[in-house]
Amino acid sequence: MLLARVDGSVIATRKHPSFEGWRLLICQPINGAGQPEGSPQVAIDPHGAALHQQVVISSDGMATRKAVGDDHSPARWMIIAIVDETSTSKSKS
């Protein structure tokens, strides 16, 4: 799982049949400070995430293929949560 920010959407007139009816969003992985970390990923969106929202994405391809209903789908990334807030706690030694 990765914390990410929605940076855009993918519009495709021709796509794998398993993507029919799914929104495809460009999700930029970020660190705890909100800075980009790694390469953007295209994820299916079952939750209705909005542009610039923080989300949690999962690379569990098996769960994603199950969600789209096609064991042979090329789908890998899926938004599994929309983040309301984040916090970090530091333990005192």
PDB file of N, CA and C in Angstrom:
ATOM      1  N   MET A   1       0.846  -1.179   0.000  1.00  0.00           N
ATOM      2  CA  MET A   1       0.000   0.000   0.000  1.00  0.00           C
ATOM      3  C   MET A   1       0.886   1.235   0.000  1.00  0.00           C
ATOM      4  N   LEU A   2       0.408   2.261  -0.676  1.00  0.00           N
ATOM      5  CA  LEU A   2       1.132   3.527  -0.738  1.00  0.00           C
ATOM      6  C   LEU A   2       0.173   4.686  -0.521  1.00  0.00           C
ATOM      7  N   LEU A   3       0.673   5.708   0.160  1.00  0.00           N
ATOM      8  CA  LEU A   3      -0.046   6.968   0.241  1.00  0.00           C
ATOM      9  C   LEU A   3       0.204   7.688  -1.074  1.00  0.00           C
ATOM     10  N   ALA A   4      -0.841   8.258  -1.680  1.00  0.00           N
ATOM     11  CA  ALA A   4      -0.690   8.911  -2.979  1.00  0.00           C
ATOM     12  C   ALA A   4      -1.631  10.104  -3.071  1.00  0.00           C
ATOM     13  N   ARG A   5      -1.391  10.928  -4.094  1.00  0.00           N
ATOM     14  CA  ARG A   5      -2.238  12.081  -4.379  1.00  0.00           C
ATOM     15  C   ARG A   5      -2.782  11.904  -5.799  1.00  0.00           C
ATOM     16  N   VAL A   6      -4.067  12.163  -5.979  1.00  0.00           N
ATOM     17  CA  VAL A   6      -4.670  12.062  -7.310  1.00  0.00           C
ATOM     18  C   VAL A   6      -4.233  13.279  -8.118  1.00  0.00           C
ATOM     19  N   ASP A   7      -3.509  13.025  -9.212  1.00  0.00           N
ATOM     20  CA  ASP A   7      -2.985  14.110 -10.042  1.00  0.00           C
ATOM     21  C   ASP A   7      -3.716  14.262 -11.368  1.00  0.00           C
ATOM     22  N   GLY A   8      -4.593  13.343 -11.708  1.00  0.00           N
ATOM     23  CA  GLY A   8      -5.305  13.461 -12.976  1.00  0.00           C
ATOM     24  C   GLY A   8      -6.093  12.206 -13.287  1.00  0.00           C
ATOM     25  N   SER A   9      -6.694  12.208 -14.455  1.00  0.00           N
ATOM     26  CA  SER A   9      -7.460  11.035 -14.876  1.00  0.00           C
ATOM     27  C   SER A   9      -6.992  10.599 -16.251  1.00  0.00           C
ATOM     28  N   VAL A  10      -7.305   9.372 -16.583  1.00  0.00           N
ATOM     29  CA  VAL A  10      -6.952   8.813 -17.876  1.00  0.00           C
ATOM     30  C   VAL A  10      -8.239   8.673 -18.689  1.00  0.00           C
ATOM     31  N   ILE A  11      -8.234   9.246 -19.874  1.00  0.00           N
ATOM     32  CA  ILE A  11      -9.360   9.115 -20.797  1.00  0.00           C
ATOM     33  C   ILE A  11      -8.894   8.212 -21.929  1.00  0.00           C
ATOM     34  N   ALA A  12      -9.595   7.111 -22.148  1.00  0.00           N
ATOM     35  CA  ALA A  12      -9.204   6.171 -23.193  1.00  0.00           C
ATOM     36  C   ALA A  12     -10.450   5.685 -23.930  1.00  0.00           C
ATOM     37  N   THR A  13     -10.488   5.923 -25.223  1.00  0.00           N
ATOM     38  CA  THR A  13     -11.637   5.455 -25.998  1.00  0.00           C
ATOM     39  C   THR A  13     -11.527   3.960 -26.275  1.00  0.00           C
ATOM     40  N   ARG A  14     -10.293   3.450 -26.311  1.00  0.00           N
ATOM     41  CA  ARG A  14     -10.076   2.019 -26.480  1.00  0.00           C
ATOM     42  C   ARG A  14      -9.254   1.546 -25.300  1.00  0.00           C
ATOM     43  N   LYS A  15      -9.775   0.546 -24.611  1.00  0.00           N
ATOM     44  CA  LYS A  15      -9.070   0.019 -23.442  1.00  0.00           C
ATOM     45  C   LYS A  15      -9.442  -1.444 -23.256  1.00  0.00           C
ATOM     46  N   HIS A  16      -8.744  -2.099 -22.366  1.00  0.00           N
ATOM     47  CA  HIS A  16      -9.041  -3.496 -22.070  1.00  0.00           C
ATOM     48  C   HIS A  16     -10.497  -3.597 -21.623  1.00  0.00           C
ATOM     49  N   PRO A  17     -11.225  -4.603 -22.074  1.00  0.00           N
ATOM     50  CA  PRO A  17     -12.650  -4.721 -21.715  1.00  0.00           C
ATOM     51  C   PRO A  17     -12.913  -4.725 -20.203  1.00  0.00           C
ATOM     52  N   SER A  18     -11.964  -5.191 -19.403  1.00  0.00           N
ATOM     53  CA  SER A  18     -12.168  -5.237 -17.955  1.00  0.00           C
ATOM     54  C   SER A  18     -12.203  -3.842 -17.326  1.00  0.00           C
ATOM     55  N   PHE A  19     -11.765  -2.813 -18.072  1.00  0.00           N
ATOM     56  CA  PHE A  19     -11.781  -1.444 -17.548  1.00  0.00           C
ATOM     57  C   PHE A  19     -13.083  -0.709 -17.855  1.00  0.00           C
ATOM     58  N   GLU A  20     -13.969  -1.322 -18.620  1.00  0.00           N
ATOM     59  CA  GLU A  20     -15.246  -0.678 -18.942  1.00  0.00           C
ATOM     60  C   GLU A  20     -16.002  -0.355 -17.649  1.00  0.00           C
ATOM     61  N   GLY A  21     -16.438   0.898 -17.541  1.00  0.00           N
ATOM     62  CA  GLY A  21     -17.204   1.331 -16.372  1.00  0.00           C
ATOM     63  C   GLY A  21     -16.358   1.774 -15.186  1.00  0.00           C
ATOM     64  N   TRP A  22     -15.045   1.690 -15.289  1.00  0.00           N
ATOM     65  CA  TRP A  22     -14.153   2.088 -14.196  1.00  0.00           C
ATOM     66  C   TRP A  22     -13.477   3.412 -14.516  1.00  0.00           C
ATOM     67  N   ARG A  23     -13.352   4.272 -13.493  1.00  0.00           N
ATOM     68  CA  ARG A  23     -12.541   5.483 -13.632  1.00  0.00           C
ATOM     69  C   ARG A  23     -11.089   5.081 -13.439  1.00  0.00           C
ATOM     70  N   LEU A  24     -10.220   5.618 -14.270  1.00  0.00           N
ATOM     71  CA  LEU A  24      -8.781   5.380 -14.157  1.00  0.00           C
ATOM     72  C   LEU A  24      -8.131   6.698 -13.762  1.00  0.00           C
ATOM     73  N   LEU A  25      -7.444   6.702 -12.625  1.00  0.00           N
ATOM     74  CA  LEU A  25      -6.832   7.924 -12.107  1.00  0.00           C
ATOM     75  C   LEU A  25      -5.322   7.801 -12.034  1.00  0.00           C
ATOM     76  N   ILE A  26      -4.647   8.918 -12.269  1.00  0.00           N
ATOM     77  CA  ILE A  26      -3.198   8.991 -12.118  1.00  0.00           C
ATOM     78  C   ILE A  26      -2.919   9.341 -10.661  1.00  0.00           C
ATOM     79  N   CYS A  27      -2.227   8.443  -9.976  1.00  0.00           N
ATOM     80  CA  CYS A  27      -1.955   8.612  -8.549  1.00  0.00           C
ATOM     81  C   CYS A  27      -0.445   8.718  -8.331  1.00  0.00           C
ATOM     82  N   GLN A  28      -0.013   9.849  -7.784  1.00  0.00           N
ATOM     83  CA  GLN A  28       1.401  10.078  -7.501  1.00  0.00           C
ATOM     84  C   GLN A  28       1.701   9.655  -6.069  1.00  0.00           C
ATOM     85  N   PRO A  29       2.503   8.595  -5.866  1.00  0.00           N
ATOM     86  CA  PRO A  29       2.892   8.242  -4.496  1.00  0.00           C
ATOM     87  C   PRO A  29       3.593   9.420  -3.818  1.00  0.00           C
ATOM     88  N   ILE A  30       3.292   9.603  -2.536  1.00  0.00           N
ATOM     89  CA  ILE A  30       3.869  10.708  -1.763  1.00  0.00           C
ATOM     90  C   ILE A  30       4.385  10.192  -0.428  1.00  0.00           C
ATOM     91  N   ASN A  31       5.268  10.972   0.191  1.00  0.00           N
ATOM     92  CA  ASN A  31       5.736  10.633   1.533  1.00  0.00           C
ATOM     93  C   ASN A  31       4.827  11.310   2.563  1.00  0.00           C
ATOM     94  N   GLY A  32       5.149  11.158   3.822  1.00  0.00           N
ATOM     95  CA  GLY A  32       4.337  11.731   4.885  1.00  0.00           C
ATOM     96  C   GLY A  32       4.237  13.243   4.847  1.00  0.00           C
ATOM     97  N   ALA A  33       5.217  13.898   4.213  1.00  0.00           N
ATOM     98  CA  ALA A  33       5.212  15.358   4.088  1.00  0.00           C
ATOM     99  C   ALA A  33       4.478  15.819   2.831  1.00  0.00           C
ATOM    100  N   GLY A  34       3.968  14.856   2.053  1.00  0.00           N
ATOM    101  CA  GLY A  34       3.236  15.207   0.838  1.00  0.00           C
ATOM    102  C   GLY A  34       4.099  15.408  -0.392  1.00  0.00           C
ATOM    103  N   GLN A  35       5.390  15.085  -0.299  1.00  0.00           N
ATOM    104  CA  GLN A  35       6.309  15.235  -1.422  1.00  0.00           C
ATOM    105  C   GLN A  35       6.271  13.982  -2.309  1.00  0.00           C
ATOM    106  N   PRO A  36       6.365  14.159  -3.624  1.00  0.00           N
ATOM    107  CA  PRO A  36       6.348  13.009  -4.536  1.00  0.00           C
ATOM    108  C   PRO A  36       7.453  12.012  -4.208  1.00  0.00           C
ATOM    109  N   GLU A  37       7.109  10.737  -4.339  1.00  0.00           N
ATOM    110  CA  GLU A  37       8.052   9.660  -4.075  1.00  0.00           C
ATOM    111  C   GLU A  37       7.785   8.539  -5.070  1.00  0.00           C
ATOM    112  N   GLY A  38       8.655   8.355  -6.020  1.00  0.00           N
ATOM    113  CA  GLY A  38       8.466   7.294  -6.998  1.00  0.00           C
ATOM    114  C   GLY A  38       7.660   7.754  -8.202  1.00  0.00           C
ATOM    115  N   SER A  39       7.334   6.796  -9.045  1.00  0.00           N
ATOM    116  CA  SER A  39       6.636   7.068 -10.299  1.00  0.00           C
ATOM    117  C   SER A  39       5.127   7.072 -10.117  1.00  0.00           C
ATOM    118  N   PRO A  40       4.414   7.916 -10.869  1.00  0.00           N
ATOM    119  CA  PRO A  40       2.947   7.900 -10.827  1.00  0.00           C
ATOM    120  C   PRO A  40       2.419   6.544 -11.296  1.00  0.00           C
ATOM    121  N   GLN A  41       1.279   6.152 -10.764  1.00  0.00           N
ATOM    122  CA  GLN A  41       0.643   4.888 -11.115  1.00  0.00           C
ATOM    123  C   GLN A  41      -0.787   5.161 -11.570  1.00  0.00           C
ATOM    124  N   VAL A  42      -1.272   4.360 -12.503  1.00  0.00           N
ATOM    125  CA  VAL A  42      -2.671   4.445 -12.911  1.00  0.00           C
ATOM    126  C   VAL A  42      -3.440   3.427 -12.084  1.00  0.00           C
ATOM    127  N   ALA A  43      -4.487   3.889 -11.397  1.00  0.00           N
ATOM    128  CA  ALA A  43      -5.255   3.017 -10.515  1.00  0.00           C
ATOM    129  C   ALA A  43      -6.738   3.100 -10.849  1.00  0.00           C
ATOM    130  N   ILE A  44      -7.438   1.969 -10.697  1.00  0.00           N
ATOM    131  CA  ILE A  44      -8.886   2.027 -10.850  1.00  0.00           C
ATOM    132  C   ILE A  44      -9.459   2.639  -9.575  1.00  0.00           C
ATOM    133  N   ASP A  45     -10.591   3.316  -9.715  1.00  0.00           N
ATOM    134  CA  ASP A  45     -11.156   4.076  -8.595  1.00  0.00           C
ATOM    135  C   ASP A  45     -12.587   3.651  -8.296  1.00  0.00           C
ATOM    136  N   PRO A  46     -12.785   2.793  -7.304  1.00  0.00           N
ATOM    137  CA  PRO A  46     -14.142   2.416  -6.925  1.00  0.00           C
ATOM    138  C   PRO A  46     -14.781   3.365  -5.906  1.00  0.00           C
ATOM    139  N   HIS A  47     -14.046   4.414  -5.476  1.00  0.00           N
ATOM    140  CA  HIS A  47     -14.520   5.264  -4.382  1.00  0.00           C
ATOM    141  C   HIS A  47     -14.888   6.689  -4.773  1.00  0.00           C
ATOM    142  N   GLY A  48     -14.600   7.109  -5.991  1.00  0.00           N
ATOM    143  CA  GLY A  48     -14.939   8.471  -6.405  1.00  0.00           C
ATOM    144  C   GLY A  48     -13.988   9.526  -5.894  1.00  0.00           C
ATOM    145  N   ALA A  49     -12.699   9.229  -5.889  1.00  0.00           N
ATOM    146  CA  ALA A  49     -11.697  10.194  -5.424  1.00  0.00           C
ATOM    147  C   ALA A  49     -11.663  11.411  -6.354  1.00  0.00           C
ATOM    148  N   ALA A  50     -11.367  12.558  -5.769  1.00  0.00           N
ATOM    149  CA  ALA A  50     -11.324  13.816  -6.514  1.00  0.00           C
ATOM    150  C   ALA A  50      -9.875  14.231  -6.771  1.00  0.00           C
ATOM    151  N   LEU A  51      -9.696  15.127  -7.719  1.00  0.00           N
ATOM    152  CA  LEU A  51      -8.388  15.658  -8.049  1.00  0.00           C
ATOM    153  C   LEU A  51      -7.733  16.254  -6.803  1.00  0.00           C
ATOM    154  N   HIS A  52      -6.481  15.958  -6.585  1.00  0.00           N
ATOM    155  CA  HIS A  52      -5.639  16.434  -5.476  1.00  0.00           C
ATOM    156  C   HIS A  52      -5.968  15.791  -4.128  1.00  0.00           C
ATOM    157  N   GLN A  53      -6.935  14.887  -4.062  1.00  0.00           N
ATOM    158  CA  GLN A  53      -7.197  14.194  -2.799  1.00  0.00           C
ATOM    159  C   GLN A  53      -6.084  13.202  -2.518  1.00  0.00           C
ATOM    160  N   GLN A  54      -5.828  13.003  -1.223  1.00  0.00           N
ATOM    161  CA  GLN A  54      -4.899  11.957  -0.825  1.00  0.00           C
ATOM    162  C   GLN A  54      -5.672  10.649  -0.747  1.00  0.00           C
ATOM    163  N   VAL A  55      -5.045   9.583  -1.249  1.00  0.00           N
ATOM    164  CA  VAL A  55      -5.667   8.268  -1.283  1.00  0.00           C
ATOM    165  C   VAL A  55      -4.635   7.229  -0.860  1.00  0.00           C
ATOM    166  N   VAL A  56      -5.115   6.032  -0.582  1.00  0.00           N
ATOM    167  CA  VAL A  56      -4.241   4.888  -0.365  1.00  0.00           C
ATOM    168  C   VAL A  56      -4.448   3.968  -1.562  1.00  0.00           C
ATOM    169  N   ILE A  57      -3.336   3.596  -2.210  1.00  0.00           N
ATOM    170  CA  ILE A  57      -3.431   2.696  -3.350  1.00  0.00           C
ATOM    171  C   ILE A  57      -2.762   1.371  -3.001  1.00  0.00           C
ATOM    172  N   SER A  58      -3.291   0.310  -3.574  1.00  0.00           N
ATOM    173  CA  SER A  58      -2.759  -1.024  -3.342  1.00  0.00           C
ATOM    174  C   SER A  58      -2.334  -1.633  -4.661  1.00  0.00           C
ATOM    175  N   SER A  59      -1.218  -2.351  -4.643  1.00  0.00           N
ATOM    176  CA  SER A  59      -0.729  -3.033  -5.844  1.00  0.00           C
ATOM    177  C   SER A  59      -1.106  -4.509  -5.834  1.00  0.00           C
ATOM    178  N   ASP A  60      -2.098  -4.875  -5.032  1.00  0.00           N
ATOM    179  CA  ASP A  60      -2.556  -6.269  -4.971  1.00  0.00           C
ATOM    180  C   ASP A  60      -3.338  -6.582  -6.241  1.00  0.00           C
ATOM    181  N   GLY A  61      -2.615  -7.032  -7.264  1.00  0.00           N
ATOM    182  CA  GLY A  61      -3.225  -7.302  -8.558  1.00  0.00           C
ATOM    183  C   GLY A  61      -4.353  -8.318  -8.495  1.00  0.00           C
ATOM    184  N   MET A  62      -4.223  -9.336  -7.644  1.00  0.00           N
ATOM    185  CA  MET A  62      -5.269 -10.352  -7.551  1.00  0.00           C
ATOM    186  C   MET A  62      -6.580  -9.735  -7.054  1.00  0.00           C
ATOM    187  N   ALA A  63      -6.510  -8.893  -6.034  1.00  0.00           N
ATOM    188  CA  ALA A  63      -7.717  -8.237  -5.514  1.00  0.00           C
ATOM    189  C   ALA A  63      -8.297  -7.273  -6.550  1.00  0.00           C
ATOM    190  N   THR A  64      -7.426  -6.583  -7.269  1.00  0.00           N
ATOM    191  CA  THR A  64      -7.885  -5.645  -8.295  1.00  0.00           C
ATOM    192  C   THR A  64      -8.576  -6.391  -9.433  1.00  0.00           C
ATOM    193  N   ARG A  65      -7.990  -7.501  -9.878  1.00  0.00           N
ATOM    194  CA  ARG A  65      -8.621  -8.300 -10.939  1.00  0.00           C
ATOM    195  C   ARG A  65      -9.957  -8.871 -10.475  1.00  0.00           C
ATOM    196  N   LYS A  66     -10.041  -9.234  -9.208  1.00  0.00           N
ATOM    197  CA  LYS A  66     -11.312  -9.720  -8.658  1.00  0.00           C
ATOM    198  C   LYS A  66     -12.356  -8.595  -8.674  1.00  0.00           C
ATOM    199  N   ALA A  67     -11.923  -7.389  -8.338  1.00  0.00           N
ATOM    200  CA  ALA A  67     -12.842  -6.243  -8.322  1.00  0.00           C
ATOM    201  C   ALA A  67     -13.406  -5.949  -9.708  1.00  0.00           C
ATOM    202  N   VAL A  68     -12.563  -6.074 -10.748  1.00  0.00           N
ATOM    203  CA  VAL A  68     -13.045  -5.804 -12.106  1.00  0.00           C
ATOM    204  C   VAL A  68     -13.735  -7.018 -12.718  1.00  0.00           C
ATOM    205  N   GLY A  69     -13.639  -8.158 -12.039  1.00  0.00           N
ATOM    206  CA  GLY A  69     -14.339  -9.358 -12.492  1.00  0.00           C
ATOM    207  C   GLY A  69     -13.695 -10.066 -13.670  1.00  0.00           C
ATOM    208  N   ASP A  70     -12.362  -9.976 -13.786  1.00  0.00           N
ATOM    209  CA  ASP A  70     -11.671 -10.613 -14.910  1.00  0.00           C
ATOM    210  C   ASP A  70     -10.297 -11.084 -14.436  1.00  0.00           C
ATOM    211  N   ASP A  71     -10.131 -12.395 -14.339  1.00  0.00           N
ATOM    212  CA  ASP A  71      -8.861 -12.965 -13.874  1.00  0.00           C
ATOM    213  C   ASP A  71      -7.701 -12.693 -14.825  1.00  0.00           C
ATOM    214  N   HIS A  72      -7.979 -12.274 -16.046  1.00  0.00           N
ATOM    215  CA  HIS A  72      -6.937 -12.017 -17.028  1.00  0.00           C
ATOM    216  C   HIS A  72      -6.749 -10.521 -17.292  1.00  0.00           C
ATOM    217  N   SER A  73      -7.340  -9.686 -16.465  1.00  0.00           N
ATOM    218  CA  SER A  73      -7.218  -8.235 -16.614  1.00  0.00           C
ATOM    219  C   SER A  73      -5.783  -7.790 -16.335  1.00  0.00           C
ATOM    220  N   PRO A  74      -5.308  -6.762 -17.046  1.00  0.00           N
ATOM    221  CA  PRO A  74      -3.986  -6.215 -16.737  1.00  0.00           C
ATOM    222  C   PRO A  74      -4.008  -5.273 -15.523  1.00  0.00           C
ATOM    223  N   ALA A  75      -5.165  -5.109 -14.891  1.00  0.00           N
ATOM    224  CA  ALA A  75      -5.285  -4.198 -13.742  1.00  0.00           C
ATOM    225  C   ALA A  75      -4.369  -4.642 -12.606  1.00  0.00           C
ATOM    226  N   ARG A  76      -3.695  -3.673 -12.000  1.00  0.00           N
ATOM    227  CA  ARG A  76      -2.844  -3.969 -10.853  1.00  0.00           C
ATOM    228  C   ARG A  76      -3.124  -3.032  -9.688  1.00  0.00           C
ATOM    229  N   TRP A  77      -3.207  -1.724  -9.930  1.00  0.00           N
ATOM    230  CA  TRP A  77      -3.361  -0.745  -8.855  1.00  0.00           C
ATOM    231  C   TRP A  77      -4.827  -0.382  -8.664  1.00  0.00           C
ATOM    232  N   MET A  78      -5.222  -0.219  -7.394  1.00  0.00           N
ATOM    233  CA  MET A  78      -6.591   0.172  -7.073  1.00  0.00           C
ATOM    234  C   MET A  78      -6.562   1.122  -5.869  1.00  0.00           C
ATOM    235  N   ILE A  79      -7.410   2.135  -5.923  1.00  0.00           N
ATOM    236  CA  ILE A  79      -7.570   3.015  -4.765  1.00  0.00           C
ATOM    237  C   ILE A  79      -8.413   2.244  -3.750  1.00  0.00           C
ATOM    238  N   ILE A  80      -7.860   2.083  -2.541  1.00  0.00           N
ATOM    239  CA  ILE A  80      -8.582   1.325  -1.524  1.00  0.00           C
ATOM    240  C   ILE A  80      -9.105   2.217  -0.398  1.00  0.00           C
ATOM    241  N   ALA A  81      -8.717   3.494  -0.394  1.00  0.00           N
ATOM    242  CA  ALA A  81      -9.205   4.417   0.634  1.00  0.00           C
ATOM    243  C   ALA A  81      -8.980   5.855   0.197  1.00  0.00           C
ATOM    244  N   ILE A  82      -9.865   6.733   0.628  1.00  0.00           N
ATOM    245  CA  ILE A  82      -9.675   8.176   0.490  1.00  0.00           C
ATOM    246  C   ILE A  82      -9.294   8.680   1.872  1.00  0.00           C
ATOM    247  N   VAL A  83      -8.184   9.397   1.961  1.00  0.00           N
ATOM    248  CA  VAL A  83      -7.636   9.824   3.250  1.00  0.00           C
ATOM    249  C   VAL A  83      -8.353  11.073   3.749  1.00  0.00           C
ATOM    250  N   ASP A  84      -8.838  11.015   4.990  1.00  0.00           N
ATOM    251  CA  ASP A  84      -9.439  12.187   5.633  1.00  0.00           C
ATOM    252  C   ASP A  84      -8.365  13.047   6.289  1.00  0.00           C
ATOM    253  N   GLU A  85      -7.447  12.398   6.972  1.00  0.00           N
ATOM    254  CA  GLU A  85      -6.337  13.114   7.598  1.00  0.00           C
ATOM    255  C   GLU A  85      -5.235  12.125   7.905  1.00  0.00           C
ATOM    256  N   THR A  86      -4.031  12.652   8.068  1.00  0.00           N
ATOM    257  CA  THR A  86      -2.893  11.828   8.459  1.00  0.00           C
ATOM    258  C   THR A  86      -2.262  12.433   9.690  1.00  0.00           C
ATOM    259  N   SER A  87      -1.627  11.606  10.464  1.00  0.00           N
ATOM    260  CA  SER A  87      -0.899  12.113  11.624  1.00  0.00           C
ATOM    261  C   SER A  87       0.296  11.203  11.846  1.00  0.00           C
ATOM    262  N   THR A  88       1.302  11.754  12.462  1.00  0.00           N
ATOM    263  CA  THR A  88       2.473  10.971  12.825  1.00  0.00           C
ATOM    264  C   THR A  88       2.690  11.152  14.311  1.00  0.00           C
ATOM    265  N   SER A  89       3.106  10.086  14.930  1.00  0.00           N
ATOM    266  CA  SER A  89       3.404  10.184  16.355  1.00  0.00           C
ATOM    267  C   SER A  89       4.838   9.753  16.568  1.00  0.00           C
ATOM    268  N   LYS A  90       5.521  10.489  17.406  1.00  0.00           N
ATOM    269  CA  LYS A  90       6.904  10.157  17.735  1.00  0.00           C
ATOM    270  C   LYS A  90       6.944   9.753  19.196  1.00  0.00           C
ATOM    271  N   SER A  91       7.518   8.589  19.434  1.00  0.00           N
ATOM    272  CA  SER A  91       7.602   8.118  20.819  1.00  0.00           C
ATOM    273  C   SER A  91       8.761   8.816  21.529  1.00  0.00           C
ATOM    274  N   LYS A  92       8.553   9.083  22.799  1.00  0.00           N
ATOM    275  CA  LYS A  92       9.618   9.698  23.608  1.00  0.00           C
ATOM    276  C   LYS A  92      10.473   8.604  24.199  1.00  0.00           C
ATOM    277  N   SER A  93      11.777   8.796  24.116  1.00  0.00           N
ATOM    278  CA  SER A  93      12.699   7.796  24.664  1.00  0.00           C
ATOM    279  C   SER A  93      13.228   8.226  25.996  1.00  0.00           C
TER     280      SER A  93
END
